[in-house]
PDB file of N, CA and C in Angstrom:
ATOM      1  N   UNK A   1     107.017  92.641  80.559  1.00  0.00           N
ATOM      2  CA  UNK A   1     106.929  93.425  81.801  1.00  0.00           C
ATOM      3  C   UNK A   1     107.028  94.882  81.555  1.00  0.00           C
ATOM      4  N   UNK A   2     108.035  95.331  80.489  1.00  0.00           N
ATOM      5  CA  UNK A   2     108.236  96.515  80.140  1.00  0.00           C
ATOM      6  C   UNK A   2     106.775  97.228  79.582  1.00  0.00           C
ATOM      7  N   UNK A   3     106.004  96.428  78.723  1.00  0.00           N
ATOM      8  CA  UNK A   3     104.817  96.988  78.050  1.00  0.00           C
ATOM      9  C   UNK A   3     103.814  97.189  79.366  1.00  0.00           C
ATOM     10  N   UNK A   4     103.889  96.434  80.292  1.00  0.00           N
ATOM     11  CA  UNK A   4     102.885  96.532  81.339  1.00  0.00           C
ATOM     12  C   UNK A   4     103.337  97.871  82.139  1.00  0.00           C
ATOM     13  N   UNK A   5     104.430  98.143  82.475  1.00  0.00           N
ATOM     14  CA  UNK A   5     104.969  99.236  83.080  1.00  0.00           C
ATOM     15  C   UNK A   5     104.417 100.462  82.367  1.00  0.00           C
ATOM     16  N   UNK A   6     104.659 100.563  80.995  1.00  0.00           N
ATOM     17  CA  UNK A   6     104.390 101.681  80.326  1.00  0.00           C
ATOM     18  C   UNK A   6     102.901 101.856  80.107  1.00  0.00           C
ATOM     19  N   UNK A   7     102.132 100.769  80.112  1.00  0.00           N
ATOM     20  CA  UNK A   7     100.556 100.841  80.235  1.00  0.00           C
ATOM     21  C   UNK A   7     100.139 101.434  81.566  1.00  0.00           C
ATOM     22  N   UNK A   8     100.771 101.072  82.521  1.00  0.00           N
ATOM     23  CA  UNK A   8     100.438 101.581  83.898  1.00  0.00           C
ATOM     24  C   UNK A   8     100.653 103.019  83.987  1.00  0.00           C
ATOM     25  N   UNK A   9     101.934 103.454  83.488  1.00  0.00           N
ATOM     26  CA  UNK A   9     102.176 104.809  83.381  1.00  0.00           C
ATOM     27  C   UNK A   9     101.361 105.714  82.694  1.00  0.00           C
ATOM     28  N   UNK A  10     100.788 105.203  81.568  1.00  0.00           N
ATOM     29  CA  UNK A  10      99.639 105.802  80.744  1.00  0.00           C
ATOM     30  C   UNK A  10      98.463 105.900  81.528  1.00  0.00           C
ATOM     31  N   UNK A  11      98.027 104.997  82.233  1.00  0.00           N
ATOM     32  CA  UNK A  11      96.759 104.844  83.026  1.00  0.00           C
ATOM     33  C   UNK A  11      96.716 105.943  84.174  1.00  0.00           C
ATOM     34  N   UNK A  12      98.018 106.118  84.841  1.00  0.00           N
ATOM     35  CA  UNK A  12      98.094 106.810  86.000  1.00  0.00           C
ATOM     36  C   UNK A  12      98.207 108.354  85.742  1.00  0.00           C
ATOM     37  N   UNK A  13      98.670 108.544  84.681  1.00  0.00           N
ATOM     38  CA  UNK A  13      98.927 110.217  84.312  1.00  0.00           C
ATOM     39  C   UNK A  13      97.777 111.057  84.615  1.00  0.00           C
ATOM     40  N   UNK A  14      96.498 110.814  84.282  1.00  0.00           N
ATOM     41  CA  UNK A  14      95.418 111.605  84.660  1.00  0.00           C
ATOM     42  C   UNK A  14      95.256 111.968  86.073  1.00  0.00           C
ATOM     43  N   UNK A  15      95.685 110.937  86.882  1.00  0.00           N
ATOM     44  CA  UNK A  15      95.598 111.067  88.410  1.00  0.00           C
ATOM     45  C   UNK A  15      96.724 111.718  89.177  1.00  0.00           C
ATOM     46  N   UNK A  16      97.849 112.094  88.179  1.00  0.00           N
ATOM     47  CA  UNK A  16      98.915 112.828  88.755  1.00  0.00           C
ATOM     48  C   UNK A  16      98.737 114.329  89.035  1.00  0.00           C
ATOM     49  N   UNK A  17      97.902 115.008  88.269  1.00  0.00           N
ATOM     50  CA  UNK A  17      97.836 116.387  88.290  1.00  0.00           C
ATOM     51  C   UNK A  17      96.911 116.646  89.587  1.00  0.00           C
ATOM     52  N   UNK A  18      95.923 115.947  90.081  1.00  0.00           N
ATOM     53  CA  UNK A  18      95.127 116.165  91.183  1.00  0.00           C
ATOM     54  C   UNK A  18      96.109 115.752  92.443  1.00  0.00           C
ATOM     55  N   UNK A  19      96.947 114.810  92.458  1.00  0.00           N
ATOM     56  CA  UNK A  19      97.854 114.540  93.463  1.00  0.00           C
ATOM     57  C   UNK A  19      98.908 115.672  93.611  1.00  0.00           C
ATOM     58  N   UNK A  20      99.123 116.488  92.636  1.00  0.00           N
ATOM     59  CA  UNK A  20     100.133 117.499  92.762  1.00  0.00           C
ATOM     60  C   UNK A  20      99.228 118.610  93.561  1.00  0.00           C
ATOM     61  N   UNK A  21      98.005 118.852  93.156  1.00  0.00           N
ATOM     62  CA  UNK A  21      97.412 119.771  93.800  1.00  0.00           C
ATOM     63  C   UNK A  21      96.901 119.426  95.447  1.00  0.00           C
ATOM     64  N   UNK A  22      96.909 118.185  95.652  1.00  0.00           N
ATOM     65  CA  UNK A  22      96.488 117.783  96.955  1.00  0.00           C
ATOM     66  C   UNK A  22      97.735 117.977  97.767  1.00  0.00           C
ATOM     67  N   UNK A  23      99.077 117.719  97.198  1.00  0.00           N
ATOM     68  CA  UNK A  23     100.279 118.003  97.935  1.00  0.00           C
ATOM     69  C   UNK A  23     100.441 119.483  97.990  1.00  0.00           C
ATOM     70  N   UNK A  24      99.951 120.374  97.060  1.00  0.00           N
ATOM     71  CA  UNK A  24     100.166 121.936  97.310  1.00  0.00           C
ATOM     72  C   UNK A  24      99.190 122.224  98.436  1.00  0.00           C
ATOM     73  N   UNK A  25      98.089 121.494  98.562  1.00  0.00           N
ATOM     74  CA  UNK A  25      97.120 121.956  99.620  1.00  0.00           C
ATOM     75  C   UNK A  25      97.807 121.640 100.902  1.00  0.00           C
ATOM     76  N   UNK A  26      98.327 120.543 101.116  1.00  0.00           N
ATOM     77  CA  UNK A  26      98.893 120.157 102.365  1.00  0.00           C
ATOM     78  C   UNK A  26     100.157 120.963 102.575  1.00  0.00           C
ATOM     79  N   UNK A  27     100.819 121.220 101.728  1.00  0.00           N
ATOM     80  CA  UNK A  27     101.998 122.378 101.861  1.00  0.00           C
ATOM     81  C   UNK A  27     101.507 123.549 102.434  1.00  0.00           C
ATOM     82  N   UNK A  28     100.489 124.231 101.847  1.00  0.00           N
ATOM     83  CA  UNK A  28      99.919 125.295 102.237  1.00  0.00           C
ATOM     84  C   UNK A  28      99.384 125.268 103.643  1.00  0.00           C
ATOM     85  N   UNK A  29      98.715 124.121 103.941  1.00  0.00           N
ATOM     86  CA  UNK A  29      98.284 123.791 105.277  1.00  0.00           C
ATOM     87  C   UNK A  29      99.265 123.826 106.409  1.00  0.00           C
ATOM     88  N   UNK A  30     100.282 123.084 106.009  1.00  0.00           N
ATOM     89  CA  UNK A  30     101.259 123.025 106.905  1.00  0.00           C
ATOM     90  C   UNK A  30     102.097 124.398 107.045  1.00  0.00           C
ATOM     91  N   UNK A  31     102.235 125.135 106.267  1.00  0.00           N
ATOM     92  CA  UNK A  31     102.818 126.480 106.391  1.00  0.00           C
ATOM     93  C   UNK A  31     102.076 127.317 107.129  1.00  0.00           C
ATOM     94  N   UNK A  32     100.693 127.391 106.969  1.00  0.00           N
ATOM     95  CA  UNK A  32      99.745 128.233 107.632  1.00  0.00           C
ATOM     96  C   UNK A  32      99.648 127.791 109.085  1.00  0.00           C
ATOM     97  N   UNK A  33      99.684 126.522 109.273  1.00  0.00           N
ATOM     98  CA  UNK A  33      99.652 126.173 110.750  1.00  0.00           C
ATOM     99  C   UNK A  33     100.914 126.462 111.440  1.00  0.00           C
ATOM    100  N   UNK A  34     102.010 126.285 110.863  1.00  0.00           N
ATOM    101  CA  UNK A  34     103.421 126.794 111.279  1.00  0.00           C
ATOM    102  C   UNK A  34     103.200 128.293 111.763  1.00  0.00           C
ATOM    103  N   UNK A  35     102.862 129.130 110.774  1.00  0.00           N
ATOM    104  CA  UNK A  35     102.761 130.542 111.060  1.00  0.00           C
ATOM    105  C   UNK A  35     101.891 130.834 112.139  1.00  0.00           C
ATOM    106  N   UNK A  36     100.690 130.060 112.147  1.00  0.00           N
ATOM    107  CA  UNK A  36      99.893 130.280 113.336  1.00  0.00           C
ATOM    108  C   UNK A  36     100.290 129.835 114.539  1.00  0.00           C
ATOM    109  N   UNK A  37     101.277 128.897 114.663  1.00  0.00           N
ATOM    110  CA  UNK A  37     101.983 128.332 115.847  1.00  0.00           C
ATOM    111  C   UNK A  37     103.023 129.506 116.277  1.00  0.00           C
ATOM    112  N   UNK A  38     103.585 130.221 115.335  1.00  0.00           N
ATOM    113  CA  UNK A  38     104.528 131.136 115.701  1.00  0.00           C
ATOM    114  C   UNK A  38     103.884 132.353 116.146  1.00  0.00           C
ATOM    115  N   UNK A  39     102.727 132.845 115.667  1.00  0.00           N
ATOM    116  CA  UNK A  39     102.069 134.032 116.104  1.00  0.00           C
ATOM    117  C   UNK A  39     101.325 133.979 117.409  1.00  0.00           C
ATOM    118  N   UNK A  40     100.658 132.738 117.364  1.00  0.00           N
ATOM    119  CA  UNK A  40      99.754 132.537 118.548  1.00  0.00           C
ATOM    120  C   UNK A  40     100.042 131.523 119.524  1.00  0.00           C
ATOM    121  N   UNK A  41     101.168 130.843 119.353  1.00  0.00           N
ATOM    122  CA  UNK A  41     101.630 129.723 120.292  1.00  0.00           C
ATOM    123  C   UNK A  41     100.631 128.701 120.423  1.00  0.00           C
ATOM    124  N   UNK A  42      99.961 128.428 119.292  1.00  0.00           N
ATOM    125  CA  UNK A  42      98.940 127.353 119.215  1.00  0.00           C
ATOM    126  C   UNK A  42      99.669 125.988 119.317  1.00  0.00           C
ATOM    127  N   UNK A  43      98.936 124.946 119.807  1.00  0.00           N
ATOM    128  CA  UNK A  43      99.505 123.536 119.881  1.00  0.00           C
ATOM    129  C   UNK A  43      99.020 122.818 118.805  1.00  0.00           C
ATOM    130  N   UNK A  44      99.691 122.904 117.638  1.00  0.00           N
ATOM    131  CA  UNK A  44      99.081 122.180 116.537  1.00  0.00           C
ATOM    132  C   UNK A  44     100.325 121.682 115.767  1.00  0.00           C
ATOM    133  N   UNK A  45     101.386 121.383 116.440  1.00  0.00           N
ATOM    134  CA  UNK A  45     102.585 120.531 115.985  1.00  0.00           C
ATOM    135  C   UNK A  45     102.409 119.208 115.353  1.00  0.00           C
ATOM    136  N   UNK A  46     101.361 118.498 115.896  1.00  0.00           N
ATOM    137  CA  UNK A  46     100.973 117.243 115.311  1.00  0.00           C
ATOM    138  C   UNK A  46     100.464 117.355 113.970  1.00  0.00           C
ATOM    139  N   UNK A  47      99.694 118.344 113.725  1.00  0.00           N
ATOM    140  CA  UNK A  47      99.053 118.508 112.396  1.00  0.00           C
ATOM    141  C   UNK A  47     100.165 119.133 111.416  1.00  0.00           C
ATOM    142  N   UNK A  48     101.220 119.672 112.070  1.00  0.00           N
ATOM    143  CA  UNK A  48     102.241 120.283 111.046  1.00  0.00           C
ATOM    144  C   UNK A  48     103.070 119.004 110.660  1.00  0.00           C
ATOM    145  N   UNK A  49     103.145 118.155 111.479  1.00  0.00           N
ATOM    146  CA  UNK A  49     104.067 116.893 111.223  1.00  0.00           C
ATOM    147  C   UNK A  49     103.275 116.039 110.282  1.00  0.00           C
ATOM    148  N   UNK A  50     102.025 115.954 110.459  1.00  0.00           N
ATOM    149  CA  UNK A  50     101.188 114.996 109.546  1.00  0.00           C
ATOM    150  C   UNK A  50     101.052 115.609 108.181  1.00  0.00           C
ATOM    151  N   UNK A  51     101.056 116.997 107.986  1.00  0.00           N
ATOM    152  CA  UNK A  51     101.070 117.555 106.659  1.00  0.00           C
ATOM    153  C   UNK A  51     102.616 117.372 106.194  1.00  0.00           C
ATOM    154  N   UNK A  52     103.598 117.351 106.941  1.00  0.00           N
ATOM    155  CA  UNK A  52     104.858 117.089 106.445  1.00  0.00           C
ATOM    156  C   UNK A  52     104.943 115.727 106.040  1.00  0.00           C
ATOM    157  N   UNK A  53     104.391 114.741 106.847  1.00  0.00           N
ATOM    158  CA  UNK A  53     104.575 113.363 106.316  1.00  0.00           C
ATOM    159  C   UNK A  53     103.870 113.084 105.032  1.00  0.00           C
ATOM    160  N   UNK A  54     102.635 113.625 104.852  1.00  0.00           N
ATOM    161  CA  UNK A  54     101.996 113.437 103.595  1.00  0.00           C
ATOM    162  C   UNK A  54     102.957 113.958 102.562  1.00  0.00           C
ATOM    163  N   UNK A  55     103.489 115.058 102.614  1.00  0.00           N
ATOM    164  CA  UNK A  55     104.308 115.643 101.339  1.00  0.00           C
ATOM    165  C   UNK A  55     105.527 114.619 101.494  1.00  0.00           C
ATOM    166  N   UNK A  56     105.986 114.161 102.412  1.00  0.00           N
ATOM    167  CA  UNK A  56     107.284 113.278 102.319  1.00  0.00           C
ATOM    168  C   UNK A  56     106.974 111.963 101.504  1.00  0.00           C
ATOM    169  N   UNK A  57     105.614 111.606 101.814  1.00  0.00           N
ATOM    170  CA  UNK A  57     105.159 110.360 100.910  1.00  0.00           C
ATOM    171  C   UNK A  57     105.019 110.803  99.459  1.00  0.00           C
ATOM    172  N   UNK A  58     104.418 111.895  99.300  1.00  0.00           N
ATOM    173  CA  UNK A  58     104.097 112.383  97.717  1.00  0.00           C
ATOM    174  C   UNK A  58     105.453 112.754  97.073  1.00  0.00           C
ATOM    175  N   UNK A  59     106.395 113.094  97.878  1.00  0.00           N
ATOM    176  CA  UNK A  59     107.810 113.392  97.404  1.00  0.00           C
ATOM    177  C   UNK A  59     108.507 112.059  96.895  1.00  0.00           C
ATOM    178  N   UNK A  60     108.362 111.216  97.770  1.00  0.00           N
ATOM    179  CA  UNK A  60     109.067 109.852  97.434  1.00  0.00           C
ATOM    180  C   UNK A  60     108.321 109.301  96.293  1.00  0.00           C
ATOM    181  N   UNK A  61     107.004 109.218  96.286  1.00  0.00           N
ATOM    182  CA  UNK A  61     106.188 108.969  95.033  1.00  0.00           C
ATOM    183  C   UNK A  61     106.590 109.244  93.837  1.00  0.00           C
ATOM    184  N   UNK A  62     106.677 110.827  93.764  1.00  0.00           N
ATOM    185  CA  UNK A  62     106.991 111.463  92.425  1.00  0.00           C
ATOM    186  C   UNK A  62     108.465 111.166  92.230  1.00  0.00           C
ATOM    187  N   UNK A  63     109.388 111.109  93.071  1.00  0.00           N
ATOM    188  CA  UNK A  63     110.832 110.644  92.631  1.00  0.00           C
ATOM    189  C   UNK A  63     110.988 109.454  92.209  1.00  0.00           C
ATOM    190  N   UNK A  64     110.158 108.330  92.846  1.00  0.00           N
ATOM    191  CA  UNK A  64     110.217 107.044  92.286  1.00  0.00           C
ATOM    192  C   UNK A  64     109.597 106.972  90.790  1.00  0.00           C
ATOM    193  N   UNK A  65     108.320 107.728  90.607  1.00  0.00           N
ATOM    194  CA  UNK A  65     107.895 107.691  89.374  1.00  0.00           C
ATOM    195  C   UNK A  65     108.807 108.146  88.203  1.00  0.00           C
ATOM    196  N   UNK A  66     109.721 109.243  88.642  1.00  0.00           N
ATOM    197  CA  UNK A  66     110.632 109.835  87.693  1.00  0.00           C
ATOM    198  C   UNK A  66     111.570 108.735  87.504  1.00  0.00           C
ATOM    199  N   UNK A  67     112.180 108.018  88.209  1.00  0.00           N
ATOM    200  CA  UNK A  67     113.287 106.852  88.185  1.00  0.00           C
ATOM    201  C   UNK A  67     112.680 105.716  87.213  1.00  0.00           C
ATOM    202  N   UNK A  68     111.332 105.447  87.558  1.00  0.00           N
ATOM    203  CA  UNK A  68     110.817 104.278  86.878  1.00  0.00           C
ATOM    204  C   UNK A  68     110.643 104.763  85.372  1.00  0.00           C
ATOM    205  N   UNK A  69     110.194 106.028  85.192  1.00  0.00           N
ATOM    206  CA  UNK A  69     109.774 106.569  83.956  1.00  0.00           C
ATOM    207  C   UNK A  69     111.201 106.709  83.042  1.00  0.00           C
ATOM    208  N   UNK A  70     112.281 107.208  83.799  1.00  0.00           N
ATOM    209  CA  UNK A  70     113.564 107.264  82.999  1.00  0.00           C
ATOM    210  C   UNK A  70     114.154 105.844  82.548  1.00  0.00           C
ATOM    211  N   UNK A  71     113.856 104.800  83.421  1.00  0.00           N
ATOM    212  CA  UNK A  71     114.360 103.470  83.180  1.00  0.00           C
ATOM    213  C   UNK A  71     113.534 102.990  81.924  1.00  0.00           C
ATOM    214  N   UNK A  72     112.216 103.428  81.803  1.00  0.00           N
ATOM    215  CA  UNK A  72     111.517 102.871  80.730  1.00  0.00           C
ATOM    216  C   UNK A  72     111.878 103.697  79.380  1.00  0.00           C
ATOM    217  N   UNK A  73     112.414 104.691  79.550  1.00  0.00           N
ATOM    218  CA  UNK A  73     112.873 105.643  78.382  1.00  0.00           C
ATOM    219  C   UNK A  73     111.658 106.757  78.238  1.00  0.00           C
ATOM    220  N   UNK A  74     110.768 106.936  79.230  1.00  0.00           N
ATOM    221  CA  UNK A  74     109.879 108.014  79.100  1.00  0.00           C
ATOM    222  C   UNK A  74     109.907 108.858  80.225  1.00  0.00           C
ATOM    223  N   UNK A  75     110.677 109.729  80.329  1.00  0.00           N
ATOM    224  CA  UNK A  75     110.650 110.692  81.468  1.00  0.00           C
ATOM    225  C   UNK A  75     109.331 111.302  81.657  1.00  0.00           C
ATOM    226  N   UNK A  76     108.619 111.153  82.830  1.00  0.00           N
ATOM    227  CA  UNK A  76     107.369 111.719  83.138  1.00  0.00           C
ATOM    228  C   UNK A  76     107.335 113.051  83.221  1.00  0.00           C
ATOM    229  N   UNK A  77     106.255 113.887  82.677  1.00  0.00           N
ATOM    230  CA  UNK A  77     106.110 115.364  82.951  1.00  0.00           C
ATOM    231  C   UNK A  77     104.686 115.715  83.035  1.00  0.00           C
ATOM    232  N   UNK A  78     104.385 116.693  83.618  1.00  0.00           N
ATOM    233  CA  UNK A  78     103.005 117.070  83.971  1.00  0.00           C
ATOM    234  C   UNK A  78     102.757 118.365  83.087  1.00  0.00           C
ATOM    235  N   UNK A  79     101.761 118.559  82.406  1.00  0.00           N
ATOM    236  CA  UNK A  79     101.397 119.799  81.612  1.00  0.00           C
ATOM    237  C   UNK A  79     100.475 120.747  82.527  1.00  0.00           C
ATOM    238  N   UNK A  80     101.007 121.645  82.782  1.00  0.00           N
ATOM    239  CA  UNK A  80     100.322 122.832  83.620  1.00  0.00           C
ATOM    240  C   UNK A  80      99.800 123.891  82.785  1.00  0.00           C
ATOM    241  N   UNK A  81     100.001 123.826  81.355  1.00  0.00           N
ATOM    242  CA  UNK A  81      99.397 124.638  80.465  1.00  0.00           C
ATOM    243  C   UNK A  81      98.023 124.416  80.094  1.00  0.00           C
ATOM    244  N   UNK A  82      97.362 125.144  79.332  1.00  0.00           N
ATOM    245  CA  UNK A  82      96.025 124.993  78.841  1.00  0.00           C
ATOM    246  C   UNK A  82      96.029 124.197  77.503  1.00  0.00           C
ATOM    247  N   UNK A  83      95.630 122.931  77.464  1.00  0.00           N
ATOM    248  CA  UNK A  83      95.792 122.259  76.337  1.00  0.00           C
ATOM    249  C   UNK A  83      95.013 122.705  75.127  1.00  0.00           C
ATOM    250  N   UNK A  84      93.797 123.353  75.488  1.00  0.00           N
ATOM    251  CA  UNK A  84      92.923 123.908  74.358  1.00  0.00           C
ATOM    252  C   UNK A  84      93.491 125.064  73.623  1.00  0.00           C
ATOM    253  N   UNK A  85      94.337 125.868  74.396  1.00  0.00           N
ATOM    254  CA  UNK A  85      95.204 127.026  73.773  1.00  0.00           C
ATOM    255  C   UNK A  85      96.583 126.559  73.267  1.00  0.00           C
ATOM    256  N   UNK A  86      96.797 125.200  73.356  1.00  0.00           N
ATOM    257  CA  UNK A  86      98.050 124.598  72.764  1.00  0.00           C
ATOM    258  C   UNK A  86      99.244 125.178  73.678  1.00  0.00           C
ATOM    259  N   UNK A  87      98.845 125.435  74.867  1.00  0.00           N
ATOM    260  CA  UNK A  87     100.148 125.848  75.829  1.00  0.00           C
ATOM    261  C   UNK A  87     100.529 124.689  76.480  1.00  0.00           C
ATOM    262  N   UNK A  88     101.918 124.725  76.533  1.00  0.00           N
ATOM    263  CA  UNK A  88     102.567 123.427  76.977  1.00  0.00           C
ATOM    264  C   UNK A  88     103.634 123.934  78.027  1.00  0.00           C
ATOM    265  N   UNK A  89     103.253 123.775  79.372  1.00  0.00           N
ATOM    266  CA  UNK A  89     104.256 124.126  80.415  1.00  0.00           C
ATOM    267  C   UNK A  89     104.420 122.843  81.122  1.00  0.00           C
ATOM    268  N   UNK A  90     105.618 122.013  80.678  1.00  0.00           N
ATOM    269  CA  UNK A  90     105.663 120.783  81.087  1.00  0.00           C
ATOM    270  C   UNK A  90     106.754 120.743  82.385  1.00  0.00           C
ATOM    271  N   UNK A  91     106.574 120.199  83.565  1.00  0.00           N
ATOM    272  CA  UNK A  91     107.153 120.235  84.489  1.00  0.00           C
ATOM    273  C   UNK A  91     107.586 118.667  84.832  1.00  0.00           C
ATOM    274  N   UNK A  92     108.813 118.283  84.963  1.00  0.00           N
ATOM    275  CA  UNK A  92     109.150 116.853  85.381  1.00  0.00           C
ATOM    276  C   UNK A  92     108.847 116.674  86.560  1.00  0.00           C
ATOM    277  N   UNK A  93     108.651 115.288  86.888  1.00  0.00           N
ATOM    278  CA  UNK A  93     108.203 114.936  88.211  1.00  0.00           C
ATOM    279  C   UNK A  93     109.322 115.082  89.392  1.00  0.00           C
ATOM    280  N   UNK A  94     110.556 114.896  88.959  1.00  0.00           N
ATOM    281  CA  UNK A  94     111.657 115.158  89.874  1.00  0.00           C
ATOM    282  C   UNK A  94     111.506 116.394  90.455  1.00  0.00           C
ATOM    283  N   UNK A  95     111.161 117.565  89.771  1.00  0.00           N
ATOM    284  CA  UNK A  95     111.014 119.033  90.277  1.00  0.00           C
ATOM    285  C   UNK A  95     109.908 118.988  91.282  1.00  0.00           C
ATOM    286  N   UNK A  96     108.783 118.408  91.069  1.00  0.00           N
ATOM    287  CA  UNK A  96     107.686 118.284  91.872  1.00  0.00           C
ATOM    288  C   UNK A  96     107.999 117.541  93.187  1.00  0.00           C
ATOM    289  N   UNK A  97     108.685 116.555  92.988  1.00  0.00           N
ATOM    290  CA  UNK A  97     109.197 115.673  94.162  1.00  0.00           C
ATOM    291  C   UNK A  97     110.031 116.333  95.025  1.00  0.00           C
ATOM    292  N   UNK A  98     110.950 117.113  94.419  1.00  0.00           N
ATOM    293  CA  UNK A  98     112.146 117.979  95.122  1.00  0.00           C
ATOM    294  C   UNK A  98     111.402 119.046  95.936  1.00  0.00           C
ATOM    295  N   UNK A  99     110.550 119.551  95.212  1.00  0.00           N
ATOM    296  CA  UNK A  99     109.787 120.825  95.889  1.00  0.00           C
ATOM    297  C   UNK A  99     108.955 120.355  97.156  1.00  0.00           C
ATOM    298  N   UNK A 100     108.374 119.192  96.994  1.00  0.00           N
ATOM    299  CA  UNK A 100     107.550 118.668  98.074  1.00  0.00           C
ATOM    300  C   UNK A 100     108.497 118.278  99.325  1.00  0.00           C
ATOM    301  N   UNK A 101     109.752 117.654  98.929  1.00  0.00           N
ATOM    302  CA  UNK A 101     110.623 117.143  99.799  1.00  0.00           C
ATOM    303  C   UNK A 101     111.162 118.319 100.672  1.00  0.00           C
ATOM    304  N   UNK A 102     111.437 119.310  99.973  1.00  0.00           N
ATOM    305  CA  UNK A 102     112.080 120.447 100.634  1.00  0.00           C
ATOM    306  C   UNK A 102     111.014 120.950 101.649  1.00  0.00           C
ATOM    307  N   UNK A 103     109.831 121.272 101.350  1.00  0.00           N
ATOM    308  CA  UNK A 103     108.880 121.588 102.185  1.00  0.00           C
ATOM    309  C   UNK A 103     108.417 120.458 103.424  1.00  0.00           C
ATOM    310  N   UNK A 104     108.613 119.248 102.944  1.00  0.00           N
ATOM    311  CA  UNK A 104     108.319 118.232 103.930  1.00  0.00           C
ATOM    312  C   UNK A 104     109.415 118.282 104.970  1.00  0.00           C
ATOM    313  N   UNK A 105     110.696 118.430 104.567  1.00  0.00           N
ATOM    314  CA  UNK A 105     111.768 118.517 105.473  1.00  0.00           C
ATOM    315  C   UNK A 105     111.723 119.743 106.269  1.00  0.00           C
ATOM    316  N   UNK A 106     111.235 120.796 105.946  1.00  0.00           N
ATOM    317  CA  UNK A 106     111.190 122.105 106.745  1.00  0.00           C
ATOM    318  C   UNK A 106     110.036 122.056 107.729  1.00  0.00           C
ATOM    319  N   UNK A 107     108.932 121.375 107.212  1.00  0.00           N
ATOM    320  CA  UNK A 107     107.841 121.084 108.336  1.00  0.00           C
ATOM    321  C   UNK A 107     108.194 119.950 109.296  1.00  0.00           C
ATOM    322  N   UNK A 108     108.799 119.176 108.815  1.00  0.00           N
ATOM    323  CA  UNK A 108     109.360 118.061 109.781  1.00  0.00           C
ATOM    324  C   UNK A 108     110.287 118.420 110.936  1.00  0.00           C
ATOM    325  N   UNK A 109     111.298 119.344 110.403  1.00  0.00           N
ATOM    326  CA  UNK A 109     112.152 119.939 111.377  1.00  0.00           C
ATOM    327  C   UNK A 109     111.723 120.943 112.292  1.00  0.00           C
ATOM    328  N   UNK A 110     110.922 121.836 111.742  1.00  0.00           N
ATOM    329  CA  UNK A 110     110.345 123.014 112.536  1.00  0.00           C
ATOM    330  C   UNK A 110     109.235 122.449 113.108  1.00  0.00           C
ATOM    331  N   UNK A 111     108.271 121.637 112.507  1.00  0.00           N
ATOM    332  CA  UNK A 111     107.192 121.197 113.088  1.00  0.00           C
ATOM    333  C   UNK A 111     107.383 120.217 114.305  1.00  0.00           C
ATOM    334  N   UNK A 112     108.360 119.308 114.264  1.00  0.00           N
ATOM    335  CA  UNK A 112     108.758 118.480 115.216  1.00  0.00           C
ATOM    336  C   UNK A 112     109.276 119.242 116.515  1.00  0.00           C
ATOM    337  N   UNK A 113     109.825 120.480 116.391  1.00  0.00           N
ATOM    338  CA  UNK A 113     110.235 121.273 117.721  1.00  0.00           C
ATOM    339  C   UNK A 113     109.031 121.998 118.137  1.00  0.00           C
ATOM    340  N   UNK A 114     107.873 122.181 117.554  1.00  0.00           N
ATOM    341  CA  UNK A 114     106.632 122.719 118.061  1.00  0.00           C
ATOM    342  C   UNK A 114     105.923 122.025 118.940  1.00  0.00           C
ATOM    343  N   UNK A 115     106.025 120.639 118.873  1.00  0.00           N
ATOM    344  CA  UNK A 115     105.071 119.719 119.748  1.00  0.00           C
ATOM    345  C   UNK A 115     105.370 120.014 121.240  1.00  0.00           C
ATOM    346  N   UNK A 116     104.329 119.942 122.043  1.00  0.00           N
ATOM    347  CA  UNK A 116     104.376 120.051 123.428  1.00  0.00           C
ATOM    348  C   UNK A 116     104.202 118.649 123.991  1.00  0.00           C
ATOM    349  N   UNK A 117     104.977 118.172 125.113  1.00  0.00           N
ATOM    350  CA  UNK A 117     104.618 116.916 125.761  1.00  0.00           C
ATOM    351  C   UNK A 117     103.522 116.985 126.402  1.00  0.00           C
TER     352      UNK A 117
END
């Protein structure tokens, strides 16, 4: 079972960087919609909450991957450096998950108050 989990981690690693960028996109979208609501009083609270829920799901996923990786003895990290130039900017999954969680909670608390009945 341990070897199966390690093989799954190795197979999933190429898909993690696009998931981070998707999460960043939803974070930016949610913040932009929140600012638009504050400036123009537009009714987009549902979209803000949707962005926050997507980020919450990604945060839980990255934090769970960190826990699973640590239990296997291989703490997962994403390289944001350029591999061809031998640059290694390694970011642990828990930091990505924590950032997504902070933005998700902010969007959830503030975005939930912007909804109109």
